Amino acid sequence: MVNRGVATLTVGLLGVFVLGCGPTASSSPSGGTPSGGTAPGGTILLQRIGPIGCDSIGINYTSATIKVDAASDPDVWAETEAGKMLTVNWTDGFTATDGAPPVIHGPEGDEVARDGTKIDVPADGSAPRLSGFYVCLGTDAINVLETDPQ
């Protein structure tokens, strides 16, 4: 009888654990994950990243072009001049609108990027800027930051 009680308790706790991990469990946006980073009425999802440091060692491209398409997955990405697809991550202050054309806005509502916006890698090794915002380059991702990394 004692073993039956322990088994029932174990199954009950396991059920609570499994339910807590189901699709209804909430999650907060974290680095490189899609988030509801859209302006009201928009359907463009931005990949999010928190505050980070930046190290551009090892990049092998000289430019990347932002691509925006709500029907794609992800909705926003970049392509290098050689055709390599890069993830584009944005800090929380950026929003997107699915207009004609879709536009990424900065924290003050100013236009930062749209489909076709080109980011050139400076020849002097400094970090590029996208409408004044710091762009951290990586081998597989570009991170657009509201503030310069420390």
C-alpha atoms as a PDB file:
ATOM      1  CA  MET A   1       0.000   0.000   0.000  1.00  0.00           C
ATOM      2  CA  VAL A   2       2.873   2.385   0.711  1.00  0.00           C
ATOM      3  CA  ASN A   3       4.428   1.640  -2.695  1.00  0.00           C
ATOM      4  CA  ARG A   4       1.132   2.402  -4.428  1.00  0.00           C
ATOM      5  CA  GLY A   5       0.982   5.825  -2.729  1.00  0.00           C
ATOM      6  CA  VAL A   6       4.540   6.642  -3.767  1.00  0.00           C
ATOM      7  CA  ALA A   7       3.785   5.568  -7.349  1.00  0.00           C
ATOM      8  CA  THR A   8       0.649   7.746  -7.444  1.00  0.00           C
ATOM      9  CA  LEU A   9       2.553  10.735  -6.071  1.00  0.00           C
ATOM     10  CA  THR A  10       5.371  10.210  -8.609  1.00  0.00           C
ATOM     11  CA  VAL A  11       2.938   9.995 -11.544  1.00  0.00           C
ATOM     12  CA  GLY A  12       1.087  13.090 -10.282  1.00  0.00           C
ATOM     13  CA  LEU A  13       4.273  15.152 -10.000  1.00  0.00           C
ATOM     14  CA  LEU A  14       5.437  13.966 -13.414  1.00  0.00           C
ATOM     15  CA  GLY A  15       2.099  15.076 -14.902  1.00  0.00           C
ATOM     16  CA  VAL A  16       2.457  18.565 -13.392  1.00  0.00           C
ATOM     17  CA  PHE A  17       5.998  18.817 -14.747  1.00  0.00           C
ATOM     18  CA  VAL A  18       4.968  17.750 -18.268  1.00  0.00           C
ATOM     19  CA  LEU A  19       2.005  20.153 -18.320  1.00  0.00           C
ATOM     20  CA  GLY A  20       4.265  22.997 -17.238  1.00  0.00           C
ATOM     21  CA  CYS A  21       6.520  22.357 -20.250  1.00  0.00           C
ATOM     22  CA  GLY A  22       3.699  22.206 -22.779  1.00  0.00           C
ATOM     23  CA  PRO A  23       2.960  24.766 -25.481  1.00  0.00           C
ATOM     24  CA  THR A  24       0.941  26.944 -23.105  1.00  0.00           C
ATOM     25  CA  ALA A  25       3.957  27.656 -20.920  1.00  0.00           C
ATOM     26  CA  SER A  26       5.086  31.254 -21.314  1.00  0.00           C
ATOM     27  CA  SER A  27       8.524  32.176 -22.471  1.00  0.00           C
ATOM     28  CA  SER A  28      10.245  35.515 -22.642  1.00  0.00           C
ATOM     29  CA  PRO A  29      12.119  36.714 -25.702  1.00  0.00           C
ATOM     30  CA  SER A  30      15.773  35.795 -25.566  1.00  0.00           C
ATOM     31  CA  GLY A  31      18.754  36.089 -27.856  1.00  0.00           C
ATOM     32  CA  GLY A  32      18.051  34.881 -31.346  1.00  0.00           C
ATOM     33  CA  THR A  33      14.424  33.915 -30.786  1.00  0.00           C
ATOM     34  CA  PRO A  34      11.375  35.267 -32.601  1.00  0.00           C
ATOM     35  CA  SER A  35       9.415  37.817 -30.658  1.00  0.00           C
ATOM     36  CA  GLY A  36       6.328  39.894 -31.147  1.00  0.00           C
ATOM     37  CA  GLY A  37       8.555  42.777 -32.152  1.00  0.00           C
ATOM     38  CA  THR A  38       6.000  44.285 -34.462  1.00  0.00           C
ATOM     39  CA  ALA A  39       4.296  47.613 -34.461  1.00  0.00           C
ATOM     40  CA  PRO A  40       0.500  47.549 -34.080  1.00  0.00           C
ATOM     41  CA  GLY A  41      -1.043  45.980 -37.166  1.00  0.00           C
ATOM     42  CA  GLY A  42       2.257  44.504 -38.343  1.00  0.00           C
ATOM     43  CA  THR A  43       3.045  40.850 -38.894  1.00  0.00           C
ATOM     44  CA  ILE A  44       6.851  40.967 -39.225  1.00  0.00           C
ATOM     45  CA  LEU A  45       8.584  39.072 -36.404  1.00  0.00           C
ATOM     46  CA  LEU A  46      12.043  40.213 -35.380  1.00  0.00           C
ATOM     47  CA  GLN A  47      14.637  37.857 -33.914  1.00  0.00           C
ATOM     48  CA  ARG A  48      15.605  39.268 -30.496  1.00  0.00           C
ATOM     49  CA  ILE A  49      18.879  39.477 -28.650  1.00  0.00           C
ATOM     50  CA  GLY A  50      19.725  40.996 -25.298  1.00  0.00           C
ATOM     51  CA  PRO A  51      22.665  43.256 -24.516  1.00  0.00           C
ATOM     52  CA  ILE A  52      25.875  41.657 -25.792  1.00  0.00           C
ATOM     53  CA  GLY A  53      29.536  42.306 -26.366  1.00  0.00           C
ATOM     54  CA  CYS A  54      30.787  42.281 -29.916  1.00  0.00           C
ATOM     55  CA  ASP A  55      33.626  40.479 -31.663  1.00  0.00           C
ATOM     56  CA  SER A  56      33.706  40.530 -35.458  1.00  0.00           C
ATOM     57  CA  ILE A  57      36.704  38.231 -35.824  1.00  0.00           C
ATOM     58  CA  GLY A  58      36.341  35.678 -38.587  1.00  0.00           C
ATOM     59  CA  ILE A  59      33.789  37.313 -40.857  1.00  0.00           C
ATOM     60  CA  ASN A  60      34.407  36.623 -44.519  1.00  0.00           C
ATOM     61  CA  TYR A  61      32.046  39.070 -46.211  1.00  0.00           C
ATOM     62  CA  THR A  62      32.246  42.741 -47.142  1.00  0.00           C
ATOM     63  CA  SER A  63      28.541  43.515 -47.276  1.00  0.00           C
ATOM     64  CA  ALA A  64      25.166  42.119 -46.319  1.00  0.00           C
ATOM     65  CA  THR A  65      21.746  43.090 -47.607  1.00  0.00           C
ATOM     66  CA  ILE A  66      18.708  43.069 -45.312  1.00  0.00           C
ATOM     67  CA  LYS A  67      15.783  41.009 -46.596  1.00  0.00           C
ATOM     68  CA  VAL A  68      12.249  41.449 -45.206  1.00  0.00           C
ATOM     69  CA  ASP A  69       9.392  39.133 -46.136  1.00  0.00           C
ATOM     70  CA  ALA A  70       6.537  38.229 -43.773  1.00  0.00           C
ATOM     71  CA  ALA A  71       5.906  35.036 -45.755  1.00  0.00           C
ATOM     72  CA  SER A  72       9.443  33.746 -45.097  1.00  0.00           C
ATOM     73  CA  ASP A  73      10.945  32.063 -42.068  1.00  0.00           C
ATOM     74  CA  PRO A  74      12.582  34.033 -40.585  1.00  0.00           C
ATOM     75  CA  ASP A  75      10.797  37.215 -41.606  1.00  0.00           C
ATOM     76  CA  VAL A  76      14.008  39.263 -41.555  1.00  0.00           C
ATOM     77  CA  TRP A  77      17.461  38.005 -42.563  1.00  0.00           C
ATOM     78  CA  ALA A  78      20.532  39.232 -44.419  1.00  0.00           C
ATOM     79  CA  GLU A  79      22.411  37.855 -47.401  1.00  0.00           C
ATOM     80  CA  THR A  80      26.114  38.417 -47.939  1.00  0.00           C
ATOM     81  CA  GLU A  81      27.544  39.347 -51.317  1.00  0.00           C
ATOM     82  CA  ALA A  82      28.409  35.637 -51.711  1.00  0.00           C
ATOM     83  CA  GLY A  83      24.786  34.595 -51.077  1.00  0.00           C
ATOM     84  CA  LYS A  84      25.204  33.287 -47.510  1.00  0.00           C
ATOM     85  CA  MET A  85      22.119  33.736 -45.332  1.00  0.00           C
ATOM     86  CA  LEU A  86      22.710  35.441 -41.966  1.00  0.00           C
ATOM     87  CA  THR A  87      20.334  35.679 -39.025  1.00  0.00           C
ATOM     88  CA  VAL A  88      19.535  39.272 -38.062  1.00  0.00           C
ATOM     89  CA  ASN A  89      18.942  39.860 -34.344  1.00  0.00           C
ATOM     90  CA  TRP A  90      17.555  43.096 -32.910  1.00  0.00           C
ATOM     91  CA  THR A  91      17.484  44.457 -29.364  1.00  0.00           C
ATOM     92  CA  ASP A  92      14.046  45.132 -27.861  1.00  0.00           C
ATOM     93  CA  GLY A  93      13.634  48.777 -28.955  1.00  0.00           C
ATOM     94  CA  PHE A  94      13.233  47.923 -32.635  1.00  0.00           C
ATOM     95  CA  THR A  95       9.810  47.265 -34.176  1.00  0.00           C
ATOM     96  CA  ALA A  96       8.568  46.323 -37.620  1.00  0.00           C
ATOM     97  CA  THR A  97       5.555  47.205 -39.719  1.00  0.00           C
ATOM     98  CA  ASP A  98       4.210  45.088 -42.535  1.00  0.00           C
ATOM     99  CA  GLY A  99       3.421  47.905 -44.918  1.00  0.00           C
ATOM    100  CA  ALA A 100       4.225  48.443 -48.546  1.00  0.00           C
ATOM    101  CA  PRO A 101       7.172  48.140 -48.112  1.00  0.00           C
ATOM    102  CA  PRO A 102       7.735  46.517 -44.704  1.00  0.00           C
ATOM    103  CA  VAL A 103       9.962  48.693 -42.510  1.00  0.00           C
ATOM    104  CA  ILE A 104      12.054  48.175 -39.365  1.00  0.00           C
ATOM    105  CA  HIS A 105      11.835  51.152 -36.994  1.00  0.00           C
ATOM    106  CA  GLY A 106      14.186  52.320 -34.256  1.00  0.00           C
ATOM    107  CA  PRO A 107      13.155  53.092 -30.669  1.00  0.00           C
ATOM    108  CA  GLU A 108      12.062  56.629 -31.637  1.00  0.00           C
ATOM    109  CA  GLY A 109      10.016  55.422 -34.637  1.00  0.00           C
ATOM    110  CA  ASP A 110      12.595  56.375 -37.254  1.00  0.00           C
ATOM    111  CA  GLU A 111      13.170  54.078 -40.235  1.00  0.00           C
ATOM    112  CA  VAL A 112      16.230  51.881 -39.739  1.00  0.00           C
ATOM    113  CA  ALA A 113      15.943  49.309 -42.517  1.00  0.00           C
ATOM    114  CA  ARG A 114      13.711  47.858 -45.196  1.00  0.00           C
ATOM    115  CA  ASP A 115      14.044  45.099 -47.767  1.00  0.00           C
ATOM    116  CA  GLY A 116      17.190  45.828 -49.758  1.00  0.00           C
ATOM    117  CA  THR A 117      19.016  47.949 -47.153  1.00  0.00           C
ATOM    118  CA  LYS A 118      22.733  47.246 -47.598  1.00  0.00           C
ATOM    119  CA  ILE A 119      25.253  47.093 -44.751  1.00  0.00           C
ATOM    120  CA  ASP A 120      28.837  47.626 -45.930  1.00  0.00           C
ATOM    121  CA  VAL A 121      31.681  46.368 -43.746  1.00  0.00           C
ATOM    122  CA  PRO A 122      34.136  49.270 -43.292  1.00  0.00           C
ATOM    123  CA  ALA A 123      37.595  48.528 -44.686  1.00  0.00           C
ATOM    124  CA  ASP A 124      39.240  49.997 -41.562  1.00  0.00           C
ATOM    125  CA  GLY A 125      37.778  47.241 -39.364  1.00  0.00           C
ATOM    126  CA  SER A 126      35.377  49.484 -37.459  1.00  0.00           C
ATOM    127  CA  ALA A 127      31.820  48.381 -36.836  1.00  0.00           C
ATOM    128  CA  PRO A 128      29.231  49.406 -39.409  1.00  0.00           C
ATOM    129  CA  ARG A 129      26.227  51.510 -38.499  1.00  0.00           C
ATOM    130  CA  LEU A 130      22.649  51.044 -39.634  1.00  0.00           C
ATOM    131  CA  SER A 131      20.909  54.427 -39.484  1.00  0.00           C
ATOM    132  CA  GLY A 132      23.279  55.265 -36.641  1.00  0.00           C
ATOM    133  CA  PHE A 133      22.746  52.017 -34.711  1.00  0.00           C
ATOM    134  CA  TYR A 134      25.698  49.754 -33.924  1.00  0.00           C
ATOM    135  CA  VAL A 135      25.884  46.581 -36.031  1.00  0.00           C
ATOM    136  CA  CYS A 136      27.788  43.655 -34.559  1.00  0.00           C
ATOM    137  CA  LEU A 137      28.926  41.324 -37.333  1.00  0.00           C
ATOM    138  CA  GLY A 138      29.296  37.583 -36.915  1.00  0.00           C
ATOM    139  CA  THR A 139      29.971  34.610 -39.128  1.00  0.00           C
ATOM    140  CA  ASP A 140      26.320  33.465 -39.015  1.00  0.00           C
ATOM    141  CA  ALA A 141      24.461  36.480 -37.637  1.00  0.00           C
ATOM    142  CA  ILE A 142      24.233  40.249 -37.600  1.00  0.00           C
ATOM    143  CA  ASN A 143      23.136  41.899 -34.348  1.00  0.00           C
ATOM    144  CA  VAL A 144      21.648  45.385 -34.475  1.00  0.00           C
ATOM    145  CA  LEU A 145      21.986  47.121 -31.105  1.00  0.00           C
ATOM    146  CA  GLU A 146      20.272  50.195 -29.674  1.00  0.00           C
ATOM    147  CA  THR A 147      23.429  51.127 -27.773  1.00  0.00           C
ATOM    148  CA  ASP A 148      27.086  50.488 -28.445  1.00  0.00           C
ATOM    149  CA  PRO A 149      28.468  47.454 -26.588  1.00  0.00           C
ATOM    150  CA  GLN A 150      30.696  48.144 -23.606  1.00  0.00           C
END
